[in-house]
Amino acid sequence: MEFAAAPIFLLMGFIAYLQPPPLCTAPGEFGFLSSMWFMYGVMSVVHAGPWLSLAWQQVKNGTPSRSGHKQDHVQKPSEP
């Protein structure tokens, strides 16, 4: 369930951005800061922690090959 928040907020922000008259937007140069799509974007970034943790584990453990299995590294025997 913890992986569901970030994509849902990102989708909600995208839908809010595409709505034709933006609701709840303050006039002025920084009016976009008061819009709903910006809030949903910030919320998706804040809730991206589990995704970043999963990505970090993948980087730390090595990127899997296309087949989904790690490739075994064969070490050459050392010369005496």
C-alpha atoms as a PDB file:
ATOM      1  CA  MET A   1       0.000   0.000   0.000  1.00  0.00           C
ATOM      2  CA  GLU A   2       2.910   2.322   0.622  1.00  0.00           C
ATOM      3  CA  PHE A   3       3.807   2.252  -3.080  1.00  0.00           C
ATOM      4  CA  ALA A   4       0.355   3.491  -4.139  1.00  0.00           C
ATOM      5  CA  ALA A   5       0.526   7.080  -2.852  1.00  0.00           C
ATOM      6  CA  ALA A   6       3.128   8.630  -5.155  1.00  0.00           C
ATOM      7  CA  PRO A   7       1.681   7.407  -8.497  1.00  0.00           C
ATOM      8  CA  ILE A   8      -1.864   8.298  -7.458  1.00  0.00           C
ATOM      9  CA  PHE A   9      -0.854  11.831  -6.423  1.00  0.00           C
ATOM     10  CA  LEU A  10       1.087  12.226  -9.671  1.00  0.00           C
ATOM     11  CA  LEU A  11      -1.943  11.140 -11.689  1.00  0.00           C
ATOM     12  CA  MET A  12      -4.222  13.482  -9.732  1.00  0.00           C
ATOM     13  CA  GLY A  13      -1.810  16.352 -10.354  1.00  0.00           C
ATOM     14  CA  PHE A  14      -1.763  15.625 -14.068  1.00  0.00           C
ATOM     15  CA  ILE A  15      -5.565  15.562 -14.208  1.00  0.00           C
ATOM     16  CA  ALA A  16      -5.781  18.803 -12.196  1.00  0.00           C
ATOM     17  CA  TYR A  17      -3.281  20.451 -14.567  1.00  0.00           C
ATOM     18  CA  LEU A  18      -5.350  19.549 -17.628  1.00  0.00           C
ATOM     19  CA  GLN A  19      -8.632  20.914 -16.286  1.00  0.00           C
ATOM     20  CA  PRO A  20      -9.633  24.045 -18.210  1.00  0.00           C
ATOM     21  CA  PRO A  21     -10.315  26.815 -15.851  1.00  0.00           C
ATOM     22  CA  PRO A  22      -7.910  26.202 -12.992  1.00  0.00           C
ATOM     23  CA  LEU A  23      -9.830  26.305  -9.763  1.00  0.00           C
ATOM     24  CA  CYS A  24      -8.499  27.815  -6.537  1.00  0.00           C
ATOM     25  CA  THR A  25      -5.648  29.708  -8.187  1.00  0.00           C
ATOM     26  CA  ALA A  26      -4.500  33.035  -6.809  1.00  0.00           C
ATOM     27  CA  PRO A  27      -3.812  35.804  -9.324  1.00  0.00           C
ATOM     28  CA  GLY A  28      -0.292  37.133  -9.746  1.00  0.00           C
ATOM     29  CA  GLU A  29       3.160  36.062 -10.773  1.00  0.00           C
ATOM     30  CA  PHE A  30       3.333  33.126  -8.341  1.00  0.00           C
ATOM     31  CA  GLY A  31      -0.303  32.051  -8.715  1.00  0.00           C
ATOM     32  CA  PHE A  32       0.720  28.565  -9.832  1.00  0.00           C
ATOM     33  CA  LEU A  33       1.917  27.878  -6.269  1.00  0.00           C
ATOM     34  CA  SER A  34      -1.682  27.957  -5.064  1.00  0.00           C
ATOM     35  CA  SER A  35      -3.017  25.563  -7.699  1.00  0.00           C
ATOM     36  CA  MET A  36      -4.017  21.976  -7.008  1.00  0.00           C
ATOM     37  CA  TRP A  37      -1.653  20.386  -9.545  1.00  0.00           C
ATOM     38  CA  PHE A  38       1.328  21.915  -7.769  1.00  0.00           C
ATOM     39  CA  MET A  39       0.128  20.585  -4.416  1.00  0.00           C
ATOM     40  CA  TYR A  40      -0.349  17.077  -5.844  1.00  0.00           C
ATOM     41  CA  GLY A  41       3.118  17.247  -7.416  1.00  0.00           C
ATOM     42  CA  VAL A  42       4.705  18.141  -4.097  1.00  0.00           C
ATOM     43  CA  MET A  43       2.752  15.375  -2.361  1.00  0.00           C
ATOM     44  CA  SER A  44       3.932  12.808  -4.926  1.00  0.00           C
ATOM     45  CA  VAL A  45       7.551  13.855  -4.349  1.00  0.00           C
ATOM     46  CA  VAL A  46       7.128  13.651  -0.579  1.00  0.00           C
ATOM     47  CA  HIS A  47       5.609  10.156  -0.825  1.00  0.00           C
ATOM     48  CA  ALA A  48       8.237   8.870  -3.296  1.00  0.00           C
ATOM     49  CA  GLY A  49      10.403   7.499  -0.463  1.00  0.00           C
ATOM     50  CA  PRO A  50       9.465   3.808  -0.891  1.00  0.00           C
ATOM     51  CA  TRP A  51      10.119   4.021  -4.649  1.00  0.00           C
ATOM     52  CA  LEU A  52      13.502   5.658  -4.078  1.00  0.00           C
ATOM     53  CA  SER A  53      14.358   3.028  -1.476  1.00  0.00           C
ATOM     54  CA  LEU A  54      13.462   0.248  -3.914  1.00  0.00           C
ATOM     55  CA  ALA A  55      15.537   1.873  -6.659  1.00  0.00           C
ATOM     56  CA  TRP A  56      18.490   2.281  -4.286  1.00  0.00           C
ATOM     57  CA  GLN A  57      18.317  -1.417  -3.368  1.00  0.00           C
ATOM     58  CA  GLN A  58      18.361  -2.325  -7.064  1.00  0.00           C
ATOM     59  CA  VAL A  59      21.401  -0.123  -7.665  1.00  0.00           C
ATOM     60  CA  LYS A  60      23.186  -1.421  -4.586  1.00  0.00           C
ATOM     61  CA  ASN A  61      22.520  -5.099  -5.405  1.00  0.00           C
ATOM     62  CA  GLY A  62      23.297  -4.712  -9.093  1.00  0.00           C
ATOM     63  CA  THR A  63      20.950  -4.151 -11.973  1.00  0.00           C
ATOM     64  CA  PRO A  64      19.278  -7.394 -13.060  1.00  0.00           C
ATOM     65  CA  SER A  65      19.787  -8.588 -16.609  1.00  0.00           C
ATOM     66  CA  ARG A  66      17.002  -8.606 -19.179  1.00  0.00           C
ATOM     67  CA  SER A  67      15.976 -12.121 -18.179  1.00  0.00           C
ATOM     68  CA  GLY A  68      15.433 -10.969 -14.609  1.00  0.00           C
ATOM     69  CA  HIS A  69      18.286 -13.017 -13.185  1.00  0.00           C
ATOM     70  CA  LYS A  70      21.616 -11.765 -11.983  1.00  0.00           C
ATOM     71  CA  GLN A  71      24.499 -12.851 -14.107  1.00  0.00           C
ATOM     72  CA  ASP A  72      27.117 -14.908 -12.342  1.00  0.00           C
ATOM     73  CA  HIS A  73      30.563 -13.429 -12.632  1.00  0.00           C
ATOM     74  CA  VAL A  74      33.131 -16.094 -13.395  1.00  0.00           C
ATOM     75  CA  GLN A  75      36.519 -15.374 -11.895  1.00  0.00           C
ATOM     76  CA  LYS A  76      39.601 -16.474 -13.775  1.00  0.00           C
ATOM     77  CA  PRO A  77      41.978 -18.630 -11.770  1.00  0.00           C
ATOM     78  CA  SER A  78      44.951 -16.671 -10.475  1.00  0.00           C
ATOM     79  CA  GLU A  79      48.388 -17.601 -11.725  1.00  0.00           C
ATOM     80  CA  PRO A  80      50.824 -18.989  -9.129  1.00  0.00           C
END
